[in-house]
Amino acid sequence: MIKLSTSHQLGQLLTARRKALGLTQQEIASRLGISQNRYSELENQPAQLTVDRLLALAGVLGMDLTVLERPADPHFSSEW
């Protein structure tokens, strides 16, 4: 399991996974129904990803998105 702390790390993970699968940006973009330019923007600026698009992209890359609760931090208030 990989822990991400920043959107930059997410971009690196997406790029590495795509390359490990031997897929081009165009192939991923086609599967997502977007242009290659738009997909390139998402890899380079992953903070722009919507949750729906992130879930779709994870599926295309054969990945799951899991959210885990952190251990309690006495200095962090969980109240919204």
PDB file of N, CA and C in Angstrom:
ATOM      1  N   MET A   1       0.851  -1.177   0.000  1.00  0.00           N
ATOM      2  CA  MET A   1       0.000   0.000   0.000  1.00  0.00           C
ATOM      3  C   MET A   1       0.894   1.236   0.000  1.00  0.00           C
ATOM      4  N   ILE A   2       0.493   2.222  -0.756  1.00  0.00           N
ATOM      5  CA  ILE A   2       1.248   3.466  -0.879  1.00  0.00           C
ATOM      6  C   ILE A   2       0.458   4.573  -0.202  1.00  0.00           C
ATOM      7  N   LYS A   3       1.129   5.328   0.669  1.00  0.00           N
ATOM      8  CA  LYS A   3       0.500   6.469   1.317  1.00  0.00           C
ATOM      9  C   LYS A   3       0.878   7.730   0.562  1.00  0.00           C
ATOM     10  N   LEU A   4      -0.105   8.537   0.268  1.00  0.00           N
ATOM     11  CA  LEU A   4       0.122   9.801  -0.414  1.00  0.00           C
ATOM     12  C   LEU A   4      -0.134  10.951   0.545  1.00  0.00           C
ATOM     13  N   SER A   5       0.740  11.941   0.482  1.00  0.00           N
ATOM     14  CA  SER A   5       0.572  13.126   1.311  1.00  0.00           C
ATOM     15  C   SER A   5       0.288  14.378   0.492  1.00  0.00           C
ATOM     16  N   THR A   6       0.649  14.326  -0.791  1.00  0.00           N
ATOM     17  CA  THR A   6       0.471  15.498  -1.646  1.00  0.00           C
ATOM     18  C   THR A   6      -0.098  15.087  -2.998  1.00  0.00           C
ATOM     19  N   SER A   7      -0.683  16.052  -3.692  1.00  0.00           N
ATOM     20  CA  SER A   7      -1.189  15.774  -5.033  1.00  0.00           C
ATOM     21  C   SER A   7      -0.035  15.497  -5.993  1.00  0.00           C
ATOM     22  N   HIS A   8       1.120  16.096  -5.752  1.00  0.00           N
ATOM     23  CA  HIS A   8       2.297  15.839  -6.591  1.00  0.00           C
ATOM     24  C   HIS A   8       2.660  14.356  -6.551  1.00  0.00           C
ATOM     25  N   GLN A   9       2.600  13.761  -5.364  1.00  0.00           N
ATOM     26  CA  GLN A   9       2.880  12.327  -5.243  1.00  0.00           C
ATOM     27  C   GLN A   9       1.865  11.515  -6.033  1.00  0.00           C
ATOM     28  N   LEU A  10       0.619  11.944  -6.043  1.00  0.00           N
ATOM     29  CA  LEU A  10      -0.407  11.258  -6.813  1.00  0.00           C
ATOM     30  C   LEU A  10      -0.064  11.288  -8.298  1.00  0.00           C
ATOM     31  N   GLY A  11       0.359  12.433  -8.789  1.00  0.00           N
ATOM     32  CA  GLY A  11       0.750  12.541 -10.185  1.00  0.00           C
ATOM     33  C   GLY A  11       1.894  11.602 -10.538  1.00  0.00           C
ATOM     34  N   GLN A  12       2.878  11.524  -9.656  1.00  0.00           N
ATOM     35  CA  GLN A  12       4.003  10.619  -9.886  1.00  0.00           C
ATOM     36  C   GLN A  12       3.542   9.163  -9.885  1.00  0.00           C
ATOM     37  N   LEU A  13       2.647   8.825  -8.986  1.00  0.00           N
ATOM     38  CA  LEU A  13       2.124   7.462  -8.909  1.00  0.00           C
ATOM     39  C   LEU A  13       1.354   7.098 -10.178  1.00  0.00           C
ATOM     40  N   LEU A  14       0.513   7.996 -10.645  1.00  0.00           N
ATOM     41  CA  LEU A  14      -0.273   7.735 -11.850  1.00  0.00           C
ATOM     42  C   LEU A  14       0.638   7.552 -13.064  1.00  0.00           C
ATOM     43  N   THR A  15       1.638   8.401 -13.177  1.00  0.00           N
ATOM     44  CA  THR A  15       2.572   8.304 -14.295  1.00  0.00           C
ATOM     45  C   THR A  15       3.349   6.991 -14.239  1.00  0.00           C
ATOM     46  N   ALA A  16       3.858   6.650 -13.057  1.00  0.00           N
ATOM     47  CA  ALA A  16       4.640   5.418 -12.903  1.00  0.00           C
ATOM     48  C   ALA A  16       3.788   4.186 -13.206  1.00  0.00           C
ATOM     49  N   ARG A  17       2.557   4.173 -12.744  1.00  0.00           N
ATOM     50  CA  ARG A  17       1.682   3.026 -12.975  1.00  0.00           C
ATOM     51  C   ARG A  17       1.355   2.884 -14.459  1.00  0.00           C
ATOM     52  N   ARG A  18       1.047   4.002 -15.112  1.00  0.00           N
ATOM     53  CA  ARG A  18       0.750   3.978 -16.543  1.00  0.00           C
ATOM     54  C   ARG A  18       1.934   3.410 -17.322  1.00  0.00           C
ATOM     55  N   LYS A  19       3.127   3.884 -17.002  1.00  0.00           N
ATOM     56  CA  LYS A  19       4.323   3.409 -17.695  1.00  0.00           C
ATOM     57  C   LYS A  19       4.603   1.946 -17.384  1.00  0.00           C
ATOM     58  N   ALA A  20       4.379   1.527 -16.139  1.00  0.00           N
ATOM     59  CA  ALA A  20       4.596   0.126 -15.763  1.00  0.00           C
ATOM     60  C   ALA A  20       3.671  -0.800 -16.549  1.00  0.00           C
ATOM     61  N   LEU A  21       2.488  -0.303 -16.896  1.00  0.00           N
ATOM     62  CA  LEU A  21       1.536  -1.084 -17.677  1.00  0.00           C
ATOM     63  C   LEU A  21       1.810  -0.994 -19.179  1.00  0.00           C
ATOM     64  N   GLY A  22       2.782  -0.163 -19.549  1.00  0.00           N
ATOM     65  CA  GLY A  22       3.121  -0.001 -20.957  1.00  0.00           C
ATOM     66  C   GLY A  22       2.077   0.751 -21.754  1.00  0.00           C
ATOM     67  N   LEU A  23       1.355   1.647 -21.091  1.00  0.00           N
ATOM     68  CA  LEU A  23       0.287   2.404 -21.746  1.00  0.00           C
ATOM     69  C   LEU A  23       0.737   3.835 -22.021  1.00  0.00           C
ATOM     70  N   THR A  24       0.257   4.391 -23.113  1.00  0.00           N
ATOM     71  CA  THR A  24       0.537   5.786 -23.432  1.00  0.00           C
ATOM     72  C   THR A  24      -0.537   6.671 -22.810  1.00  0.00           C
ATOM     73  N   GLN A  25      -0.242   7.959 -22.748  1.00  0.00           N
ATOM     74  CA  GLN A  25      -1.250   8.906 -22.277  1.00  0.00           C
ATOM     75  C   GLN A  25      -2.475   8.857 -23.183  1.00  0.00           C
ATOM     76  N   GLN A  26      -2.256   8.697 -24.468  1.00  0.00           N
ATOM     77  CA  GLN A  26      -3.374   8.645 -25.413  1.00  0.00           C
ATOM     78  C   GLN A  26      -4.281   7.455 -25.134  1.00  0.00           C
ATOM     79  N   GLU A  27      -3.690   6.292 -24.826  1.00  0.00           N
ATOM     80  CA  GLU A  27      -4.489   5.102 -24.535  1.00  0.00           C
ATOM     81  C   GLU A  27      -5.337   5.297 -23.279  1.00  0.00           C
ATOM     82  N   ILE A  28      -4.747   5.867 -22.244  1.00  0.00           N
ATOM     83  CA  ILE A  28      -5.500   6.127 -21.011  1.00  0.00           C
ATOM     84  C   ILE A  28      -6.595   7.153 -21.284  1.00  0.00           C
ATOM     85  N   ALA A  29      -6.238   8.223 -21.979  1.00  0.00           N
ATOM     86  CA  ALA A  29      -7.212   9.271 -22.285  1.00  0.00           C
ATOM     87  C   ALA A  29      -8.401   8.712 -23.059  1.00  0.00           C
ATOM     88  N   SER A  30      -8.138   7.857 -24.032  1.00  0.00           N
ATOM     89  CA  SER A  30      -9.219   7.256 -24.820  1.00  0.00           C
ATOM     90  C   SER A  30     -10.150   6.439 -23.943  1.00  0.00           C
ATOM     91  N   ARG A  31      -9.583   5.699 -23.011  1.00  0.00           N
ATOM     92  CA  ARG A  31     -10.413   4.886 -22.105  1.00  0.00           C
ATOM     93  C   ARG A  31     -11.249   5.742 -21.171  1.00  0.00           C
ATOM     94  N   LEU A  32     -10.740   6.938 -20.864  1.00  0.00           N
ATOM     95  CA  LEU A  32     -11.481   7.854 -19.990  1.00  0.00           C
ATOM     96  C   LEU A  32     -12.430   8.772 -20.758  1.00  0.00           C
ATOM     97  N   GLY A  33     -12.296   8.783 -22.074  1.00  0.00           N
ATOM     98  CA  GLY A  33     -13.145   9.652 -22.894  1.00  0.00           C
ATOM     99  C   GLY A  33     -12.734  11.110 -22.860  1.00  0.00           C
ATOM    100  N   ILE A  34     -11.425  11.347 -22.716  1.00  0.00           N
ATOM    101  CA  ILE A  34     -10.903  12.718 -22.710  1.00  0.00           C
ATOM    102  C   ILE A  34      -9.754  12.801 -23.704  1.00  0.00           C
ATOM    103  N   SER A  35      -9.279  14.016 -23.956  1.00  0.00           N
ATOM    104  CA  SER A  35      -8.162  14.189 -24.884  1.00  0.00           C
ATOM    105  C   SER A  35      -6.840  13.840 -24.196  1.00  0.00           C
ATOM    106  N   GLN A  36      -5.837  13.562 -25.016  1.00  0.00           N
ATOM    107  CA  GLN A  36      -4.505  13.285 -24.469  1.00  0.00           C
ATOM    108  C   GLN A  36      -3.971  14.505 -23.749  1.00  0.00           C
ATOM    109  N   ASN A  37      -4.230  15.695 -24.285  1.00  0.00           N
ATOM    110  CA  ASN A  37      -3.764  16.919 -23.618  1.00  0.00           C
ATOM    111  C   ASN A  37      -4.374  17.070 -22.235  1.00  0.00           C
ATOM    112  N   ARG A  38      -5.662  16.775 -22.126  1.00  0.00           N
ATOM    113  CA  ARG A  38      -6.338  16.875 -20.826  1.00  0.00           C
ATOM    114  C   ARG A  38      -5.766  15.856 -19.859  1.00  0.00           C
ATOM    115  N   TYR A  39      -5.517  14.642 -20.341  1.00  0.00           N
ATOM    116  CA  TYR A  39      -4.945  13.632 -19.461  1.00  0.00           C
ATOM    117  C   TYR A  39      -3.549  14.045 -18.999  1.00  0.00           C
ATOM    118  N   SER A  40      -2.758  14.595 -19.896  1.00  0.00           N
ATOM    119  CA  SER A  40      -1.421  15.061 -19.530  1.00  0.00           C
ATOM    120  C   SER A  40      -1.515  16.114 -18.421  1.00  0.00           C
ATOM    121  N   GLU A  41      -2.469  17.015 -18.534  1.00  0.00           N
ATOM    122  CA  GLU A  41      -2.681  18.033 -17.493  1.00  0.00           C
ATOM    123  C   GLU A  41      -2.992  17.371 -16.146  1.00  0.00           C
ATOM    124  N   LEU A  42      -3.798  16.314 -16.167  1.00  0.00           N
ATOM    125  CA  LEU A  42      -4.172  15.646 -14.921  1.00  0.00           C
ATOM    126  C   LEU A  42      -2.979  14.937 -14.276  1.00  0.00           C
ATOM    127  N   GLU A  43      -2.100  14.359 -15.092  1.00  0.00           N
ATOM    128  CA  GLU A  43      -0.894  13.738 -14.542  1.00  0.00           C
ATOM    129  C   GLU A  43       0.027  14.790 -13.939  1.00  0.00           C
ATOM    130  N   ASN A  44       0.103  15.951 -14.604  1.00  0.00           N
ATOM    131  CA  ASN A  44       1.010  17.001 -14.154  1.00  0.00           C
ATOM    132  C   ASN A  44       0.418  17.898 -13.070  1.00  0.00           C
ATOM    133  N   GLN A  45      -0.906  17.953 -13.011  1.00  0.00           N
ATOM    134  CA  GLN A  45      -1.596  18.768 -12.006  1.00  0.00           C
ATOM    135  C   GLN A  45      -2.751  17.950 -11.433  1.00  0.00           C
ATOM    136  N   PRO A  46      -2.439  16.880 -10.698  1.00  0.00           N
ATOM    137  CA  PRO A  46      -3.485  15.977 -10.227  1.00  0.00           C
ATOM    138  C   PRO A  46      -4.454  16.595  -9.225  1.00  0.00           C
ATOM    139  N   ALA A  47      -4.151  17.761  -8.699  1.00  0.00           N
ATOM    140  CA  ALA A  47      -5.093  18.420  -7.791  1.00  0.00           C
ATOM    141  C   ALA A  47      -6.382  18.776  -8.530  1.00  0.00           C
ATOM    142  N   GLN A  48      -6.336  18.799  -9.867  1.00  0.00           N
ATOM    143  CA  GLN A  48      -7.523  19.108 -10.672  1.00  0.00           C
ATOM    144  C   GLN A  48      -8.458  17.917 -10.828  1.00  0.00           C
ATOM    145  N   LEU A  49      -8.021  16.731 -10.420  1.00  0.00           N
ATOM    146  CA  LEU A  49      -8.857  15.536 -10.560  1.00  0.00           C
ATOM    147  C   LEU A  49     -10.093  15.615  -9.674  1.00  0.00           C
ATOM    148  N   THR A  50     -11.232  15.294 -10.243  1.00  0.00           N
ATOM    149  CA  THR A  50     -12.429  15.136  -9.425  1.00  0.00           C
ATOM    150  C   THR A  50     -12.391  13.731  -8.824  1.00  0.00           C
ATOM    151  N   VAL A  51     -13.173  13.497  -7.814  1.00  0.00           N
ATOM    152  CA  VAL A  51     -13.231  12.164  -7.214  1.00  0.00           C
ATOM    153  C   VAL A  51     -13.716  11.155  -8.243  1.00  0.00           C
ATOM    154  N   ASP A  52     -14.729  11.502  -9.009  1.00  0.00           N
ATOM    155  CA  ASP A  52     -15.230  10.587 -10.039  1.00  0.00           C
ATOM    156  C   ASP A  52     -14.152  10.247 -11.054  1.00  0.00           C
ATOM    157  N   ARG A  53     -13.408  11.246 -11.499  1.00  0.00           N
ATOM    158  CA  ARG A  53     -12.354  11.017 -12.486  1.00  0.00           C
ATOM    159  C   ARG A  53     -11.213  10.199 -11.872  1.00  0.00           C
ATOM    160  N   LEU A  54     -10.883  10.457 -10.612  1.00  0.00           N
ATOM    161  CA  LEU A  54      -9.837   9.693  -9.932  1.00  0.00           C
ATOM    162  C   LEU A  54     -10.235   8.224  -9.807  1.00  0.00           C
ATOM    163  N   LEU A  55     -11.486   7.966  -9.458  1.00  0.00           N
ATOM    164  CA  LEU A  55     -11.957   6.583  -9.356  1.00  0.00           C
ATOM    165  C   LEU A  55     -11.936   5.889 -10.713  1.00  0.00           C
ATOM    166  N   ALA A  56     -12.345   6.602 -11.763  1.00  0.00           N
ATOM    167  CA  ALA A  56     -12.315   6.028 -13.104  1.00  0.00           C
ATOM    168  C   ALA A  56     -10.882   5.743 -13.528  1.00  0.00           C
ATOM    169  N   LEU A  57      -9.985   6.667 -13.263  1.00  0.00           N
ATOM    170  CA  LEU A  57      -8.584   6.492 -13.623  1.00  0.00           C
ATOM    171  C   LEU A  57      -7.962   5.328 -12.860  1.00  0.00           C
ATOM    172  N   ALA A  58      -8.268   5.225 -11.582  1.00  0.00           N
ATOM    173  CA  ALA A  58      -7.763   4.098 -10.790  1.00  0.00           C
ATOM    174  C   ALA A  58      -8.230   2.781 -11.398  1.00  0.00           C
ATOM    175  N   GLY A  59      -9.472   2.722 -11.818  1.00  0.00           N
ATOM    176  CA  GLY A  59      -9.993   1.511 -12.445  1.00  0.00           C
ATOM    177  C   GLY A  59      -9.262   1.166 -13.729  1.00  0.00           C
ATOM    178  N   VAL A  60      -9.013   2.158 -14.567  1.00  0.00           N
ATOM    179  CA  VAL A  60      -8.300   1.943 -15.826  1.00  0.00           C
ATOM    180  C   VAL A  60      -6.885   1.442 -15.564  1.00  0.00           C
ATOM    181  N   LEU A  61      -6.274   1.939 -14.499  1.00  0.00           N
ATOM    182  CA  LEU A  61      -4.900   1.551 -14.163  1.00  0.00           C
ATOM    183  C   LEU A  61      -4.832   0.293 -13.298  1.00  0.00           C
ATOM    184  N   GLY A  62      -5.990  -0.325 -13.041  1.00  0.00           N
ATOM    185  CA  GLY A  62      -6.008  -1.545 -12.242  1.00  0.00           C
ATOM    186  C   GLY A  62      -5.662  -1.303 -10.788  1.00  0.00           C
ATOM    187  N   MET A  63      -6.113  -0.168 -10.272  1.00  0.00           N
ATOM    188  CA  MET A  63      -5.836   0.212  -8.890  1.00  0.00           C
ATOM    189  C   MET A  63      -7.145   0.447  -8.150  1.00  0.00           C
ATOM    190  N   ASP A  64      -7.081   0.376  -6.830  1.00  0.00           N
ATOM    191  CA  ASP A  64      -8.205   0.721  -5.970  1.00  0.00           C
ATOM    192  C   ASP A  64      -7.844   1.957  -5.172  1.00  0.00           C
ATOM    193  N   LEU A  65      -8.831   2.745  -4.858  1.00  0.00           N
ATOM    194  CA  LEU A  65      -8.644   3.896  -3.986  1.00  0.00           C
ATOM    195  C   LEU A  65      -9.211   3.525  -2.629  1.00  0.00           C
ATOM    196  N   THR A  66      -8.367   3.568  -1.616  1.00  0.00           N
ATOM    197  CA  THR A  66      -8.784   3.206  -0.267  1.00  0.00           C
ATOM    198  C   THR A  66      -8.524   4.378   0.660  1.00  0.00           C
ATOM    199  N   VAL A  67      -9.493   4.698   1.491  1.00  0.00           N
ATOM    200  CA  VAL A  67      -9.330   5.756   2.476  1.00  0.00           C
ATOM    201  C   VAL A  67      -9.323   5.102   3.848  1.00  0.00           C
ATOM    202  N   LEU A  68      -8.264   5.358   4.592  1.00  0.00           N
ATOM    203  CA  LEU A  68      -8.120   4.776   5.913  1.00  0.00           C
ATOM    204  C   LEU A  68      -8.141   5.860   6.972  1.00  0.00           C
ATOM    205  N   GLU A  69      -8.669   5.523   8.106  1.00  0.00           N
ATOM    206  CA  GLU A  69      -8.666   6.443   9.231  1.00  0.00           C
ATOM    207  C   GLU A  69      -7.278   6.440   9.863  1.00  0.00           C
ATOM    208  N   ARG A  70      -6.771   7.609  10.154  1.00  0.00           N
ATOM    209  CA  ARG A  70      -5.465   7.741  10.810  1.00  0.00           C
ATOM    210  C   ARG A  70      -5.601   7.417  12.291  1.00  0.00           C
ATOM    211  N   PRO A  71      -4.508   6.986  12.897  1.00  0.00           N
ATOM    212  CA  PRO A  71      -4.531   6.828  14.356  1.00  0.00           C
ATOM    213  C   PRO A  71      -4.823   8.191  15.000  1.00  0.00           C
ATOM    214  N   ALA A  72      -5.417   8.161  16.143  1.00  0.00           N
ATOM    215  CA  ALA A  72      -5.787   9.398  16.833  1.00  0.00           C
ATOM    216  C   ALA A  72      -4.564  10.275  17.079  1.00  0.00           C
ATOM    217  N   ASP A  73      -4.705  11.552  16.805  1.00  0.00           N
ATOM    218  CA  ASP A  73      -3.659  12.538  17.056  1.00  0.00           C
ATOM    219  C   ASP A  73      -4.214  13.528  18.078  1.00  0.00           C
ATOM    220  N   PRO A  74      -3.626  13.607  19.244  1.00  0.00           N
ATOM    221  CA  PRO A  74      -4.173  14.486  20.284  1.00  0.00           C
ATOM    222  C   PRO A  74      -4.145  15.958  19.905  1.00  0.00           C
ATOM    223  N   HIS A  75      -3.383  16.344  18.890  1.00  0.00           N
ATOM    224  CA  HIS A  75      -3.293  17.731  18.472  1.00  0.00           C
ATOM    225  C   HIS A  75      -4.219  18.073  17.308  1.00  0.00           C
ATOM    226  N   PHE A  76      -4.997  17.071  16.881  1.00  0.00           N
ATOM    227  CA  PHE A  76      -5.869  17.259  15.726  1.00  0.00           C
ATOM    228  C   PHE A  76      -7.324  17.096  16.158  1.00  0.00           C
ATOM    229  N   SER A  77      -8.121  18.093  15.829  1.00  0.00           N
ATOM    230  CA  SER A  77      -9.551  17.999  16.128  1.00  0.00           C
ATOM    231  C   SER A  77     -10.269  17.497  14.892  1.00  0.00           C
ATOM    232  N   SER A  78     -11.060  16.438  15.039  1.00  0.00           N
ATOM    233  CA  SER A  78     -11.774  15.867  13.908  1.00  0.00           C
ATOM    234  C   SER A  78     -13.121  16.531  13.654  1.00  0.00           C
ATOM    235  N   GLU A  79     -13.443  17.540  14.433  1.00  0.00           N
ATOM    236  CA  GLU A  79     -14.713  18.236  14.234  1.00  0.00           C
ATOM    237  C   GLU A  79     -14.654  19.070  12.974  1.00  0.00           C
ATOM    238  N   TRP A  80     -15.723  19.051  12.217  1.00  0.00           N
ATOM    239  CA  TRP A  80     -15.774  19.803  10.972  1.00  0.00           C
ATOM    240  C   TRP A  80     -16.026  21.252  11.327  1.00  0.00           C
TER     241      TRP A  80
END
